[in-house]
Amino acid sequence: MTGRADRPLDGGETGLGDGTRVAKDHPRVAAYGEVDELNAVLGLAVLHAPADADLLRSVQNDLFDVGADLCVPAGDGLRVTAAQAERLERAIDHVNERLAPLRSFILPGGSAAAAWLHLARTVCRRAERAVAALAHAEPVNPQVLIYLNRLSDLLFVLARAANADGSADVLWVPGANRPPDAPA
């Protein structure tokens, strides 16, 4: 079965936003695929964190801008701007104002909302790594990396806020399960 007459329906390639054909495992495709996965996880987080739904939906919209920048080789129609990352920074500051101070590393979890937000944070970090790898090989809008970096921090503080403003965070206890006679 074929798609257009000039190529098979799926020959292991995909089209970028400018029409360029690349392998489906191309770093650019991997980067915007990670961003797409992040967006899907945020969709689930919205279901469990209704208090943050408006903010998370605006982030989902921004992530389409991120994906658009990534699917077109740099220089054509850059969408992500410094203002978008600055908006995230203001949100981080606003949420941080009400959080209990961190006294330890925290384990992902607590409430369902926090767990989904922590999962979104880890997917965001993976997307950030994929974009950084792409940026080593090809031009990438630098605002995309800044945006993803600030977003992962926002997701962390939102997860803490979902855990009763941090008071219900699950704290890491170093060596908690190590037998008392285990070598150090």
Protein backbone atom coordinates (compact mmCIF):
# COMPACT_ATOMS: atom_id res chain seq x y z
CA MET A 1 0.00 0.00 0.00
CA THR A 2 1.34 3.44 -0.78
CA GLY A 3 0.66 7.00 0.23
CA ARG A 4 1.45 9.48 -2.48
CA ALA A 5 2.60 7.94 -5.74
CA ASP A 6 6.24 8.93 -5.15
CA ARG A 7 6.83 7.06 -1.87
CA PRO A 8 5.51 4.17 0.23
CA LEU A 9 3.05 4.85 3.02
CA ASP A 10 5.75 4.22 5.63
CA GLY A 11 9.34 3.81 4.57
CA GLY A 12 10.81 4.62 7.98
CA GLU A 13 10.86 8.33 7.25
CA THR A 14 8.75 11.29 8.25
CA GLY A 15 8.40 14.84 7.03
CA LEU A 16 9.58 17.87 8.95
CA GLY A 17 7.63 21.10 8.89
CA ASP A 18 9.60 22.38 5.90
CA GLY A 19 8.97 19.20 3.88
CA THR A 20 12.42 17.70 4.46
CA ARG A 21 12.30 13.90 4.82
CA VAL A 22 14.26 12.40 7.70
CA ALA A 23 14.47 9.04 9.45
CA LYS A 24 11.91 8.54 12.19
CA ASP A 25 14.74 8.18 14.69
CA HIS A 26 16.33 11.49 13.67
CA PRO A 27 17.26 13.60 16.73
CA ARG A 28 14.85 16.35 15.64
CA VAL A 29 11.95 13.87 15.48
CA ALA A 30 12.99 12.39 18.82
CA ALA A 31 13.04 15.87 20.41
CA TYR A 32 9.59 16.91 19.28
CA GLY A 33 8.28 13.42 20.08
CA GLU A 34 9.44 13.85 23.69
CA VAL A 35 7.67 17.22 23.82
CA ASP A 36 4.51 15.58 22.48
CA GLU A 37 4.70 12.93 25.21
CA LEU A 38 5.14 15.66 27.81
CA ASN A 39 2.03 17.39 26.49
CA ALA A 40 0.04 14.15 26.82
CA VAL A 41 1.21 13.64 30.42
CA LEU A 42 0.19 17.22 31.20
CA GLY A 43 -3.26 16.40 29.85
CA LEU A 44 -3.51 13.69 32.51
CA ALA A 45 -2.09 15.99 35.19
CA VAL A 46 -4.86 18.50 34.46
CA LEU A 47 -7.42 15.85 35.42
CA HIS A 48 -5.85 15.49 38.87
CA ALA A 49 -4.78 19.10 39.48
CA PRO A 50 -7.87 21.16 38.61
CA ALA A 51 -6.61 24.15 40.62
CA ASP A 52 -3.72 24.43 38.14
CA ALA A 53 -5.74 23.56 35.03
CA ASP A 54 -5.60 27.02 33.43
CA LEU A 55 -1.84 27.29 33.89
CA LEU A 56 -1.24 23.74 32.66
CA ARG A 57 -3.47 24.27 29.60
CA SER A 58 -1.49 27.42 28.73
CA VAL A 59 1.69 25.34 29.01
CA GLN A 60 0.17 22.72 26.72
CA ASN A 61 -0.46 25.43 24.16
CA ASP A 62 3.14 26.64 24.54
CA LEU A 63 4.35 23.09 23.98
CA PHE A 64 2.76 23.16 20.54
CA ASP A 65 4.90 26.26 19.87
CA VAL A 66 7.93 24.29 21.12
CA GLY A 67 7.04 21.37 18.83
CA ALA A 68 6.53 23.73 15.90
CA ASP A 69 9.99 25.22 16.45
CA LEU A 70 11.52 21.76 16.67
CA CYS A 71 9.82 20.30 13.60
CA VAL A 72 11.17 23.06 11.35
CA PRO A 73 14.94 23.40 11.05
CA ALA A 74 15.99 26.58 12.87
CA GLY A 75 15.60 29.93 11.25
CA ASP A 76 12.11 29.50 9.86
CA GLY A 77 9.30 30.97 11.97
CA LEU A 78 10.69 30.71 15.50
CA ARG A 79 7.72 30.73 17.86
CA VAL A 80 9.02 30.30 21.40
CA THR A 81 10.05 33.62 22.95
CA ALA A 82 11.72 34.76 26.15
CA ALA A 83 8.34 36.10 27.34
CA GLN A 84 6.98 32.54 27.57
CA ALA A 85 9.80 31.41 29.88
CA GLU A 86 9.45 34.62 31.90
CA ARG A 87 5.75 33.79 32.43
CA LEU A 88 6.81 30.42 33.83
CA GLU A 89 9.37 32.09 36.09
CA ARG A 90 6.67 34.37 37.54
CA ALA A 91 4.45 31.33 38.15
CA ILE A 92 7.33 29.55 39.91
CA ASP A 93 7.86 32.55 42.19
CA HIS A 94 4.13 32.79 42.94
CA VAL A 95 3.81 29.11 43.86
CA ASN A 96 7.08 29.07 45.83
CA GLU A 97 5.81 31.84 48.13
CA ARG A 98 3.42 29.44 49.84
CA LEU A 99 5.59 26.31 49.95
CA ALA A 100 7.18 24.93 53.09
CA PRO A 101 10.98 25.11 52.85
CA LEU A 102 12.70 22.00 51.48
CA ARG A 103 14.65 20.13 54.17
CA SER A 104 15.38 17.02 52.15
CA PHE A 105 15.07 15.59 48.70
CA ILE A 106 11.52 14.45 48.10
CA LEU A 107 10.24 11.27 46.55
CA PRO A 108 7.84 11.60 43.62
CA GLY A 109 4.34 11.00 44.87
CA GLY A 110 2.12 11.99 47.73
CA SER A 111 -1.18 12.92 46.12
CA ALA A 112 -2.34 11.74 42.70
CA ALA A 113 -1.93 15.28 41.37
CA ALA A 114 1.63 15.48 42.69
CA ALA A 115 2.51 12.08 41.22
CA TRP A 116 1.29 13.14 37.75
CA LEU A 117 3.11 16.46 38.01
CA HIS A 118 6.32 14.66 39.02
CA LEU A 119 5.92 12.32 36.05
CA ALA A 120 5.45 15.35 33.80
CA ARG A 121 8.61 16.88 35.32
CA THR A 122 10.68 13.80 34.50
CA VAL A 123 9.32 13.64 30.94
CA CYS A 124 10.10 17.36 30.62
CA ARG A 125 13.70 16.73 31.71
CA ARG A 126 13.97 13.95 29.12
CA ALA A 127 12.63 16.28 26.45
CA GLU A 128 15.14 18.92 27.54
CA ARG A 129 17.98 16.39 27.17
CA ALA A 130 16.74 15.41 23.69
CA VAL A 131 16.62 19.07 22.62
CA ALA A 132 20.10 19.67 24.07
CA ALA A 133 21.43 16.70 22.08
CA LEU A 134 19.78 18.06 18.93
CA ALA A 135 21.28 21.50 19.59
CA HIS A 136 24.77 19.92 19.55
CA ALA A 137 24.16 18.76 15.99
CA GLU A 138 21.81 21.35 14.46
CA PRO A 139 20.58 24.86 15.14
CA VAL A 140 17.70 25.06 17.62
CA ASN A 141 15.83 28.10 18.91
CA PRO A 142 17.69 28.69 22.23
CA GLN A 143 14.43 29.79 23.86
CA VAL A 144 13.16 26.21 23.56
CA LEU A 145 15.81 24.92 25.97
CA ILE A 146 15.22 27.81 28.37
CA TYR A 147 11.48 27.19 28.28
CA LEU A 148 11.81 23.45 28.99
CA ASN A 149 14.24 24.12 31.82
CA ARG A 150 11.89 26.59 33.51
CA LEU A 151 8.93 24.29 32.89
CA SER A 152 10.55 21.38 34.74
CA ASP A 153 11.10 23.67 37.73
CA LEU A 154 7.49 24.85 37.56
CA LEU A 155 6.24 21.27 37.49
CA PHE A 156 8.35 20.50 40.58
CA VAL A 157 6.88 23.37 42.60
CA LEU A 158 3.35 22.58 41.37
CA ALA A 159 3.84 18.98 42.56
CA ARG A 160 4.91 20.27 45.96
CA ALA A 161 1.91 22.60 46.05
CA ALA A 162 -0.36 19.66 45.23
CA ASN A 163 1.04 17.97 48.35
CA ALA A 164 -0.57 20.47 50.74
CA ASP A 165 1.93 23.19 49.87
CA GLY A 166 4.81 20.82 50.58
CA SER A 167 3.72 19.68 54.04
CA ALA A 168 2.63 16.29 52.64
CA ASP A 169 5.76 15.74 50.53
CA VAL A 170 7.25 12.28 50.88
CA LEU A 171 10.81 12.84 52.10
CA TRP A 172 13.83 10.78 51.10
CA VAL A 173 15.45 9.10 54.07
CA PRO A 174 19.02 8.20 53.05
CA GLY A 175 19.82 4.57 53.80
CA ALA A 176 16.40 3.95 55.34
CA ASN A 177 16.23 0.38 54.06
CA ARG A 178 19.86 -0.57 54.46
CA PRO A 179 20.50 -3.25 57.09
CA PRO A 180 22.25 -1.82 60.16
CA ASP A 181 25.25 -4.10 59.61
CA ALA A 182 25.71 -3.21 55.91
CA PRO A 183 29.08 -1.71 55.00
CA ALA A 184 28.97 2.03 54.40
